[in-house]
Amino acid sequence: MNDKLTITLNIAGRPCVLTIEREEEEEIRKAAQLINSKIAKYREKYATADPVDFLAVTALQFTVKMLEAERRNDVEPILDEVKKISSRLDKVVKE
């Protein structure tokens, strides 16, 4: 059984044909809607600007949000601190 699906999205007035996993469709369509919503807001505010500028700023904003989310979910520094504390406790217990 083929779990791939070919869909066509309209992003910033341009068709984008994608082959995706069937279970990804809803999330990908939602992402396209979010992008188009941001671009529409920029079009209202800056009617004379180049649509490519809107795409660039939208991509930048979503990438910054993604990086912030990754940073918040990075548990490695916490694990390092727990290891250090555990090591100190081991030393104190052995004394």
PDB file of N, CA and C in Angstrom:
ATOM      1  N   MET A   1       0.835  -1.185   0.000  1.00  0.00           N
ATOM      2  CA  MET A   1       0.000   0.000   0.000  1.00  0.00           C
ATOM      3  C   MET A   1       0.878   1.246   0.000  1.00  0.00           C
ATOM      4  N   ASN A   2       0.538   2.191  -0.848  1.00  0.00           N
ATOM      5  CA  ASN A   2       1.303   3.416  -0.980  1.00  0.00           C
ATOM      6  C   ASN A   2       0.727   4.471  -0.037  1.00  0.00           C
ATOM      7  N   ASP A   3       1.537   4.918   0.919  1.00  0.00           N
ATOM      8  CA  ASP A   3       1.089   5.934   1.871  1.00  0.00           C
ATOM      9  C   ASP A   3       1.453   7.341   1.423  1.00  0.00           C
ATOM     10  N   LYS A   4       1.888   7.475   0.182  1.00  0.00           N
ATOM     11  CA  LYS A   4       2.241   8.789  -0.362  1.00  0.00           C
ATOM     12  C   LYS A   4       1.018   9.424  -1.007  1.00  0.00           C
ATOM     13  N   LEU A   5       1.012  10.742  -1.003  1.00  0.00           N
ATOM     14  CA  LEU A   5      -0.089  11.506  -1.555  1.00  0.00           C
ATOM     15  C   LEU A   5       0.496  12.725  -2.252  1.00  0.00           C
ATOM     16  N   THR A   6      -0.010  13.053  -3.414  1.00  0.00           N
ATOM     17  CA  THR A   6       0.428  14.256  -4.118  1.00  0.00           C
ATOM     18  C   THR A   6      -0.651  15.309  -3.945  1.00  0.00           C
ATOM     19  N   ILE A   7      -0.239  16.450  -3.407  1.00  0.00           N
ATOM     20  CA  ILE A   7      -1.183  17.549  -3.185  1.00  0.00           C
ATOM     21  C   ILE A   7      -0.648  18.809  -3.843  1.00  0.00           C
ATOM     22  N   THR A   8      -1.559  19.727  -4.142  1.00  0.00           N
ATOM     23  CA  THR A   8      -1.178  21.027  -4.677  1.00  0.00           C
ATOM     24  C   THR A   8      -1.637  22.085  -3.688  1.00  0.00           C
ATOM     25  N   LEU A   9      -0.698  22.871  -3.218  1.00  0.00           N
ATOM     26  CA  LEU A   9      -0.986  23.965  -2.295  1.00  0.00           C
ATOM     27  C   LEU A   9      -0.789  25.280  -3.019  1.00  0.00           C
ATOM     28  N   ASN A  10      -1.529  26.268  -2.616  1.00  0.00           N
ATOM     29  CA  ASN A  10      -1.342  27.616  -3.130  1.00  0.00           C
ATOM     30  C   ASN A  10      -0.674  28.405  -2.020  1.00  0.00           C
ATOM     31  N   ILE A  11       0.571  28.786  -2.242  1.00  0.00           N
ATOM     32  CA  ILE A  11       1.299  29.579  -1.250  1.00  0.00           C
ATOM     33  C   ILE A  11       1.719  30.881  -1.921  1.00  0.00           C
ATOM     34  N   ALA A  12       1.222  31.970  -1.372  1.00  0.00           N
ATOM     35  CA  ALA A  12       1.518  33.305  -1.900  1.00  0.00           C
ATOM     36  C   ALA A  12       1.137  33.410  -3.379  1.00  0.00           C
ATOM     37  N   GLY A  13       0.028  32.756  -3.738  1.00  0.00           N
ATOM     38  CA  GLY A  13      -0.445  32.843  -5.109  1.00  0.00           C
ATOM     39  C   GLY A  13       0.268  31.942  -6.099  1.00  0.00           C
ATOM     40  N   ARG A  14       1.131  31.086  -5.594  1.00  0.00           N
ATOM     41  CA  ARG A  14       1.873  30.185  -6.466  1.00  0.00           C
ATOM     42  C   ARG A  14       1.536  28.746  -6.111  1.00  0.00           C
ATOM     43  N   PRO A  15       1.303  27.926  -7.136  1.00  0.00           N
ATOM     44  CA  PRO A  15       1.016  26.517  -6.855  1.00  0.00           C
ATOM     45  C   PRO A  15       2.283  25.773  -6.444  1.00  0.00           C
ATOM     46  N   CYS A  16       2.139  24.952  -5.426  1.00  0.00           N
ATOM     47  CA  CYS A  16       3.243  24.106  -4.967  1.00  0.00           C
ATOM     48  C   CYS A  16       2.747  22.674  -4.968  1.00  0.00           C
ATOM     49  N   VAL A  17       3.325  21.838  -5.804  1.00  0.00           N
ATOM     50  CA  VAL A  17       2.947  20.436  -5.864  1.00  0.00           C
ATOM     51  C   VAL A  17       3.927  19.655  -5.004  1.00  0.00           C
ATOM     52  N   LEU A  18       3.395  18.914  -4.032  1.00  0.00           N
ATOM     53  CA  LEU A  18       4.226  18.163  -3.098  1.00  0.00           C
ATOM     54  C   LEU A  18       3.768  16.711  -3.043  1.00  0.00           C
ATOM     55  N   THR A  19       4.708  15.817  -2.899  1.00  0.00           N
ATOM     56  CA  THR A  19       4.394  14.430  -2.600  1.00  0.00           C
ATOM     57  C   THR A  19       4.772  14.210  -1.153  1.00  0.00           C
ATOM     58  N   ILE A  20       3.788  13.833  -0.354  1.00  0.00           N
ATOM     59  CA  ILE A  20       3.956  13.761   1.095  1.00  0.00           C
ATOM     60  C   ILE A  20       3.429  12.438   1.621  1.00  0.00           C
ATOM     61  N   GLU A  21       3.731  12.174   2.870  1.00  0.00           N
ATOM     62  CA  GLU A  21       3.123  11.045   3.562  1.00  0.00           C
ATOM     63  C   GLU A  21       1.670  11.423   3.850  1.00  0.00           C
ATOM     64  N   ARG A  22       0.778  10.471   3.685  1.00  0.00           N
ATOM     65  CA  ARG A  22      -0.654  10.726   3.859  1.00  0.00           C
ATOM     66  C   ARG A  22      -0.970  11.336   5.233  1.00  0.00           C
ATOM     67  N   GLU A  23      -0.290  10.859   6.282  1.00  0.00           N
ATOM     68  CA  GLU A  23      -0.582  11.356   7.629  1.00  0.00           C
ATOM     69  C   GLU A  23      -0.065  12.778   7.866  1.00  0.00           C
ATOM     70  N   GLU A  24       0.755  13.309   6.972  1.00  0.00           N
ATOM     71  CA  GLU A  24       1.282  14.668   7.094  1.00  0.00           C
ATOM     72  C   GLU A  24       0.371  15.716   6.465  1.00  0.00           C
ATOM     73  N   GLU A  25      -0.619  15.285   5.699  1.00  0.00           N
ATOM     74  CA  GLU A  25      -1.413  16.215   4.902  1.00  0.00           C
ATOM     75  C   GLU A  25      -2.046  17.328   5.722  1.00  0.00           C
ATOM     76  N   GLU A  26      -2.714  16.990   6.796  1.00  0.00           N
ATOM     77  CA  GLU A  26      -3.413  18.005   7.587  1.00  0.00           C
ATOM     78  C   GLU A  26      -2.449  19.067   8.115  1.00  0.00           C
ATOM     79  N   GLU A  27      -1.308  18.621   8.636  1.00  0.00           N
ATOM     80  CA  GLU A  27      -0.343  19.565   9.190  1.00  0.00           C
ATOM     81  C   GLU A  27       0.273  20.448   8.100  1.00  0.00           C
ATOM     82  N   ILE A  28       0.552  19.871   6.948  1.00  0.00           N
ATOM     83  CA  ILE A  28       1.140  20.643   5.850  1.00  0.00           C
ATOM     84  C   ILE A  28       0.145  21.666   5.321  1.00  0.00           C
ATOM     85  N   ARG A  29      -1.105  21.269   5.195  1.00  0.00           N
ATOM     86  CA  ARG A  29      -2.118  22.224   4.737  1.00  0.00           C
ATOM     87  C   ARG A  29      -2.300  23.360   5.757  1.00  0.00           C
ATOM     88  N   LYS A  30      -2.251  23.021   7.036  1.00  0.00           N
ATOM     89  CA  LYS A  30      -2.366  24.045   8.078  1.00  0.00           C
ATOM     90  C   LYS A  30      -1.173  25.005   8.009  1.00  0.00           C
ATOM     91  N   ALA A  31       0.015  24.478   7.780  1.00  0.00           N
ATOM     92  CA  ALA A  31       1.209  25.323   7.657  1.00  0.00           C
ATOM     93  C   ALA A  31       1.060  26.284   6.476  1.00  0.00           C
ATOM     94  N   ALA A  32       0.563  25.788   5.357  1.00  0.00           N
ATOM     95  CA  ALA A  32       0.358  26.650   4.184  1.00  0.00           C
ATOM     96  C   ALA A  32      -0.648  27.753   4.498  1.00  0.00           C
ATOM     97  N   GLN A  33      -1.696  27.409   5.241  1.00  0.00           N
ATOM     98  CA  GLN A  33      -2.681  28.421   5.624  1.00  0.00           C
ATOM     99  C   GLN A  33      -2.067  29.496   6.523  1.00  0.00           C
ATOM    100  N   LEU A  34      -1.217  29.074   7.456  1.00  0.00           N
ATOM    101  CA  LEU A  34      -0.548  30.044   8.335  1.00  0.00           C
ATOM    102  C   LEU A  34       0.344  30.985   7.535  1.00  0.00           C
ATOM    103  N   ILE A  35       1.078  30.433   6.590  1.00  0.00           N
ATOM    104  CA  ILE A  35       1.950  31.252   5.744  1.00  0.00           C
ATOM    105  C   ILE A  35       1.116  32.250   4.956  1.00  0.00           C
ATOM    106  N   ASN A  36       0.055  31.767   4.321  1.00  0.00           N
ATOM    107  CA  ASN A  36      -0.796  32.653   3.520  1.00  0.00           C
ATOM    108  C   ASN A  36      -1.461  33.723   4.376  1.00  0.00           C
ATOM    109  N   SER A  37      -1.811  33.383   5.599  1.00  0.00           N
ATOM    110  CA  SER A  37      -2.412  34.354   6.506  1.00  0.00           C
ATOM    111  C   SER A  37      -1.430  35.480   6.834  1.00  0.00           C
ATOM    112  N   LYS A  38      -0.186  35.100   7.140  1.00  0.00           N
ATOM    113  CA  LYS A  38       0.852  36.113   7.429  1.00  0.00           C
ATOM    114  C   LYS A  38       1.073  37.012   6.220  1.00  0.00           C
ATOM    115  N   ILE A  39       1.168  36.401   5.044  1.00  0.00           N
ATOM    116  CA  ILE A  39       1.405  37.165   3.821  1.00  0.00           C
ATOM    117  C   ILE A  39       0.248  38.122   3.556  1.00  0.00           C
ATOM    118  N   ALA A  40      -0.977  37.674   3.791  1.00  0.00           N
ATOM    119  CA  ALA A  40      -2.149  38.535   3.586  1.00  0.00           C
ATOM    120  C   ALA A  40      -2.085  39.763   4.488  1.00  0.00           C
ATOM    121  N   LYS A  41      -1.632  39.566   5.735  1.00  0.00           N
ATOM    122  CA  LYS A  41      -1.508  40.699   6.653  1.00  0.00           C
ATOM    123  C   LYS A  41      -0.470  41.701   6.142  1.00  0.00           C
ATOM    124  N   TYR A  42       0.637  41.199   5.618  1.00  0.00           N
ATOM    125  CA  TYR A  42       1.653  42.095   5.075  1.00  0.00           C
ATOM    126  C   TYR A  42       1.142  42.816   3.837  1.00  0.00           C
ATOM    127  N   ARG A  43       0.379  42.133   3.008  1.00  0.00           N
ATOM    128  CA  ARG A  43      -0.182  42.767   1.806  1.00  0.00           C
ATOM    129  C   ARG A  43      -1.093  43.928   2.176  1.00  0.00           C
ATOM    130  N   GLU A  44      -1.884  43.743   3.245  1.00  0.00           N
ATOM    131  CA  GLU A  44      -2.780  44.808   3.697  1.00  0.00           C
ATOM    132  C   GLU A  44      -1.994  46.016   4.178  1.00  0.00           C
ATOM    133  N   LYS A  45      -0.923  45.752   4.890  1.00  0.00           N
ATOM    134  CA  LYS A  45      -0.151  46.828   5.508  1.00  0.00           C
ATOM    135  C   LYS A  45       0.813  47.495   4.520  1.00  0.00           C
ATOM    136  N   TYR A  46       1.423  46.699   3.652  1.00  0.00           N
ATOM    137  CA  TYR A  46       2.433  47.207   2.715  1.00  0.00           C
ATOM    138  C   TYR A  46       2.050  46.817   1.298  1.00  0.00           C
ATOM    139  N   ALA A  47       1.030  47.429   0.762  1.00  0.00           N
ATOM    140  CA  ALA A  47       0.460  47.040  -0.526  1.00  0.00           C
ATOM    141  C   ALA A  47       1.445  47.158  -1.690  1.00  0.00           C
ATOM    142  N   THR A  48       2.416  48.033  -1.598  1.00  0.00           N
ATOM    143  CA  THR A  48       3.306  48.256  -2.737  1.00  0.00           C
ATOM    144  C   THR A  48       4.570  47.396  -2.705  1.00  0.00           C
ATOM    145  N   ALA A  49       4.790  46.651  -1.643  1.00  0.00           N
ATOM    146  CA  ALA A  49       6.015  45.851  -1.523  1.00  0.00           C
ATOM    147  C   ALA A  49       5.952  44.623  -2.428  1.00  0.00           C
ATOM    148  N   ASP A  50       7.107  44.091  -2.719  1.00  0.00           N
ATOM    149  CA  ASP A  50       7.247  42.896  -3.534  1.00  0.00           C
ATOM    150  C   ASP A  50       6.796  41.672  -2.736  1.00  0.00           C
ATOM    151  N   PRO A  51       5.953  40.812  -3.297  1.00  0.00           N
ATOM    152  CA  PRO A  51       5.495  39.609  -2.580  1.00  0.00           C
ATOM    153  C   PRO A  51       6.639  38.708  -2.112  1.00  0.00           C
ATOM    154  N   VAL A  52       7.760  38.734  -2.788  1.00  0.00           N
ATOM    155  CA  VAL A  52       8.914  37.945  -2.352  1.00  0.00           C
ATOM    156  C   VAL A  52       9.410  38.449  -1.002  1.00  0.00           C
ATOM    157  N   ASP A  53       9.303  39.747  -0.771  1.00  0.00           N
ATOM    158  CA  ASP A  53       9.668  40.308   0.531  1.00  0.00           C
ATOM    159  C   ASP A  53       8.775  39.735   1.627  1.00  0.00           C
ATOM    160  N   PHE A  54       7.485  39.600   1.331  1.00  0.00           N
ATOM    161  CA  PHE A  54       6.554  39.032   2.306  1.00  0.00           C
ATOM    162  C   PHE A  54       6.938  37.590   2.631  1.00  0.00           C
ATOM    163  N   LEU A  55       7.287  36.827   1.605  1.00  0.00           N
ATOM    164  CA  LEU A  55       7.701  35.438   1.825  1.00  0.00           C
ATOM    165  C   LEU A  55       8.962  35.369   2.677  1.00  0.00           C
ATOM    166  N   ALA A  56       9.917  36.249   2.391  1.00  0.00           N
ATOM    167  CA  ALA A  56      11.175  36.244   3.136  1.00  0.00           C
ATOM    168  C   ALA A  56      10.950  36.575   4.607  1.00  0.00           C
ATOM    169  N   VAL A  57      10.166  37.592   4.887  1.00  0.00           N
ATOM    170  CA  VAL A  57       9.907  37.989   6.271  1.00  0.00           C
ATOM    171  C   VAL A  57       9.104  36.907   6.991  1.00  0.00           C
ATOM    172  N   THR A  58       8.139  36.318   6.301  1.00  0.00           N
ATOM    173  CA  THR A  58       7.347  35.238   6.893  1.00  0.00           C
ATOM    174  C   THR A  58       8.232  34.042   7.225  1.00  0.00           C
ATOM    175  N   ALA A  59       9.106  33.672   6.299  1.00  0.00           N
ATOM    176  CA  ALA A  59      10.032  32.556   6.551  1.00  0.00           C
ATOM    177  C   ALA A  59      10.918  32.862   7.748  1.00  0.00           C
ATOM    178  N   LEU A  60      11.414  34.086   7.839  1.00  0.00           N
ATOM    179  CA  LEU A  60      12.253  34.484   8.961  1.00  0.00           C
ATOM    180  C   LEU A  60      11.490  34.381  10.281  1.00  0.00           C
ATOM    181  N   GLN A  61      10.265  34.888  10.327  1.00  0.00           N
ATOM    182  CA  GLN A  61       9.488  34.848  11.562  1.00  0.00           C
ATOM    183  C   GLN A  61       9.217  33.418  12.015  1.00  0.00           C
ATOM    184  N   PHE A  62       8.820  32.558  11.096  1.00  0.00           N
ATOM    185  CA  PHE A  62       8.535  31.178  11.481  1.00  0.00           C
ATOM    186  C   PHE A  62       9.808  30.431  11.876  1.00  0.00           C
ATOM    187  N   THR A  63      10.915  30.746  11.259  1.00  0.00           N
ATOM    188  CA  THR A  63      12.173  30.100  11.616  1.00  0.00           C
ATOM    189  C   THR A  63      12.623  30.533  13.008  1.00  0.00           C
ATOM    190  N   VAL A  64      12.464  31.799  13.329  1.00  0.00           N
ATOM    191  CA  VAL A  64      12.802  32.276  14.679  1.00  0.00           C
ATOM    192  C   VAL A  64      11.937  31.561  15.715  1.00  0.00           C
ATOM    193  N   LYS A  65      10.648  31.421  15.435  1.00  0.00           N
ATOM    194  CA  LYS A  65       9.766  30.711  16.370  1.00  0.00           C
ATOM    195  C   LYS A  65      10.190  29.255  16.529  1.00  0.00           C
ATOM    196  N   MET A  66      10.583  28.625  15.439  1.00  0.00           N
ATOM    197  CA  MET A  66      11.029  27.237  15.493  1.00  0.00           C
ATOM    198  C   MET A  66      12.295  27.105  16.340  1.00  0.00           C
ATOM    199  N   LEU A  67      13.244  28.017  16.145  1.00  0.00           N
ATOM    200  CA  LEU A  67      14.488  27.982  16.918  1.00  0.00           C
ATOM    201  C   LEU A  67      14.218  28.217  18.404  1.00  0.00           C
ATOM    202  N   GLU A  68      13.306  29.128  18.723  1.00  0.00           N
ATOM    203  CA  GLU A  68      12.945  29.367  20.124  1.00  0.00           C
ATOM    204  C   GLU A  68      12.329  28.114  20.742  1.00  0.00           C
ATOM    205  N   ALA A  69      11.476  27.455  20.000  1.00  0.00           N
ATOM    206  CA  ALA A  69      10.847  26.227  20.501  1.00  0.00           C
ATOM    207  C   ALA A  69      11.881  25.128  20.715  1.00  0.00           C
ATOM    208  N   GLU A  70      12.828  25.006  19.792  1.00  0.00           N
ATOM    209  CA  GLU A  70      13.896  24.012  19.948  1.00  0.00           C
ATOM    210  C   GLU A  70      14.733  24.302  21.183  1.00  0.00           C
ATOM    211  N   ARG A  71      15.019  25.575  21.408  1.00  0.00           N
ATOM    212  CA  ARG A  71      15.828  25.956  22.564  1.00  0.00           C
ATOM    213  C   ARG A  71      15.094  25.627  23.866  1.00  0.00           C
ATOM    214  N   ARG A  72      13.807  25.892  23.899  1.00  0.00           N
ATOM    215  CA  ARG A  72      13.017  25.584  25.096  1.00  0.00           C
ATOM    216  C   ARG A  72      12.940  24.081  25.346  1.00  0.00           C
ATOM    217  N   ASN A  73      12.983  23.300  24.309  1.00  0.00           N
ATOM    218  CA  ASN A  73      12.874  21.850  24.447  1.00  0.00           C
ATOM    219  C   ASN A  73      14.227  21.166  24.586  1.00  0.00           C
ATOM    220  N   ASP A  74      15.309  21.911  24.584  1.00  0.00           N
ATOM    221  CA  ASP A  74      16.640  21.335  24.705  1.00  0.00           C
ATOM    222  C   ASP A  74      16.905  20.999  26.168  1.00  0.00           C
ATOM    223  N   VAL A  75      16.910  19.725  26.487  1.00  0.00           N
ATOM    224  CA  VAL A  75      17.088  19.291  27.874  1.00  0.00           C
ATOM    225  C   VAL A  75      18.540  18.918  28.181  1.00  0.00           C
ATOM    226  N   GLU A  76      19.396  18.956  27.189  1.00  0.00           N
ATOM    227  CA  GLU A  76      20.792  18.558  27.391  1.00  0.00           C
ATOM    228  C   GLU A  76      21.483  19.365  28.498  1.00  0.00           C
ATOM    229  N   PRO A  77      21.361  20.701  28.523  1.00  0.00           N
ATOM    230  CA  PRO A  77      21.998  21.448  29.619  1.00  0.00           C
ATOM    231  C   PRO A  77      21.476  21.035  30.994  1.00  0.00           C
ATOM    232  N   ILE A  78      20.198  20.736  31.081  1.00  0.00           N
ATOM    233  CA  ILE A  78      19.620  20.308  32.363  1.00  0.00           C
ATOM    234  C   ILE A  78      20.191  18.961  32.765  1.00  0.00           C
ATOM    235  N   LEU A  79      20.284  18.040  31.812  1.00  0.00           N
ATOM    236  CA  LEU A  79      20.855  16.725  32.105  1.00  0.00           C
ATOM    237  C   LEU A  79      22.304  16.835  32.551  1.00  0.00           C
ATOM    238  N   ASP A  80      23.058  17.739  31.937  1.00  0.00           N
ATOM    239  CA  ASP A  80      24.453  17.946  32.341  1.00  0.00           C
ATOM    240  C   ASP A  80      24.528  18.419  33.793  1.00  0.00           C
ATOM    241  N   GLU A  81      23.650  19.340  34.168  1.00  0.00           N
ATOM    242  CA  GLU A  81      23.637  19.836  35.549  1.00  0.00           C
ATOM    243  C   GLU A  81      23.247  18.729  36.523  1.00  0.00           C
ATOM    244  N   VAL A  82      22.265  17.926  36.147  1.00  0.00           N
ATOM    245  CA  VAL A  82      21.853  16.816  37.013  1.00  0.00           C
ATOM    246  C   VAL A  82      23.016  15.847  37.213  1.00  0.00           C
ATOM    247  N   LYS A  83      23.773  15.581  36.164  1.00  0.00           N
ATOM    248  CA  LYS A  83      24.934  14.685  36.278  1.00  0.00           C
ATOM    249  C   LYS A  83      25.979  15.275  37.224  1.00  0.00           C
ATOM    250  N   LYS A  84      26.212  16.583  37.108  1.00  0.00           N
ATOM    251  CA  LYS A  84      27.183  17.234  37.991  1.00  0.00           C
ATOM    252  C   LYS A  84      26.739  17.146  39.451  1.00  0.00           C
ATOM    253  N   ILE A  85      25.479  17.432  39.692  1.00  0.00           N
ATOM    254  CA  ILE A  85      24.951  17.373  41.058  1.00  0.00           C
ATOM    255  C   ILE A  85      25.022  15.945  41.589  1.00  0.00           C
ATOM    256  N   SER A  86      24.670  14.995  40.754  1.00  0.00           N
ATOM    257  CA  SER A  86      24.728  13.584  41.149  1.00  0.00           C
ATOM    258  C   SER A  86      26.150  13.173  41.506  1.00  0.00           C
ATOM    259  N   SER A  87      27.103  13.642  40.732  1.00  0.00           N
ATOM    260  CA  SER A  87      28.500  13.340  41.000  1.00  0.00           C
ATOM    261  C   SER A  87      28.941  13.941  42.334  1.00  0.00           C
ATOM    262  N   ARG A  88      28.540  15.174  42.600  1.00  0.00           N
ATOM    263  CA  ARG A  88      28.875  15.816  43.873  1.00  0.00           C
ATOM    264  C   ARG A  88      28.257  15.071  45.043  1.00  0.00           C
ATOM    265  N   LEU A  89      27.007  14.664  44.880  1.00  0.00           N
ATOM    266  CA  LEU A  89      26.332  13.921  45.940  1.00  0.00           C
ATOM    267  C   LEU A  89      27.030  12.591  46.203  1.00  0.00           C
ATOM    268  N   ASP A  90      27.458  11.916  45.149  1.00  0.00           N
ATOM    269  CA  ASP A  90      28.197  10.658  45.301  1.00  0.00           C
ATOM    270  C   ASP A  90      29.467  10.871  46.115  1.00  0.00           C
ATOM    271  N   LYS A  91      30.166  11.973  45.839  1.00  0.00           N
ATOM    272  CA  LYS A  91      31.395  12.270  46.569  1.00  0.00           C
ATOM    273  C   LYS A  91      31.112  12.521  48.044  1.00  0.00           C
ATOM    274  N   VAL A  92      30.038  13.269  48.332  1.00  0.00           N
ATOM    275  CA  VAL A  92      29.689  13.577  49.716  1.00  0.00           C
ATOM    276  C   VAL A  92      29.277  12.318  50.452  1.00  0.00           C
ATOM    277  N   VAL A  93      28.538  11.451  49.813  1.00  0.00           N
ATOM    278  CA  VAL A  93      28.072  10.217  50.437  1.00  0.00           C
ATOM    279  C   VAL A  93      29.251   9.295  50.743  1.00  0.00           C
ATOM    280  N   LYS A  94      30.262   9.281  49.895  1.00  0.00           N
ATOM    281  CA  LYS A  94      31.415   8.404  50.073  1.00  0.00           C
ATOM    282  C   LYS A  94      32.333   8.904  51.180  1.00  0.00           C
ATOM    283  N   GLU A  95      32.242  10.170  51.522  1.00  0.00           N
ATOM    284  CA  GLU A  95      33.144  10.738  52.549  1.00  0.00           C
ATOM    285  C   GLU A  95      32.753  10.354  53.934  1.00  0.00           C
TER     286      GLU A  95
END
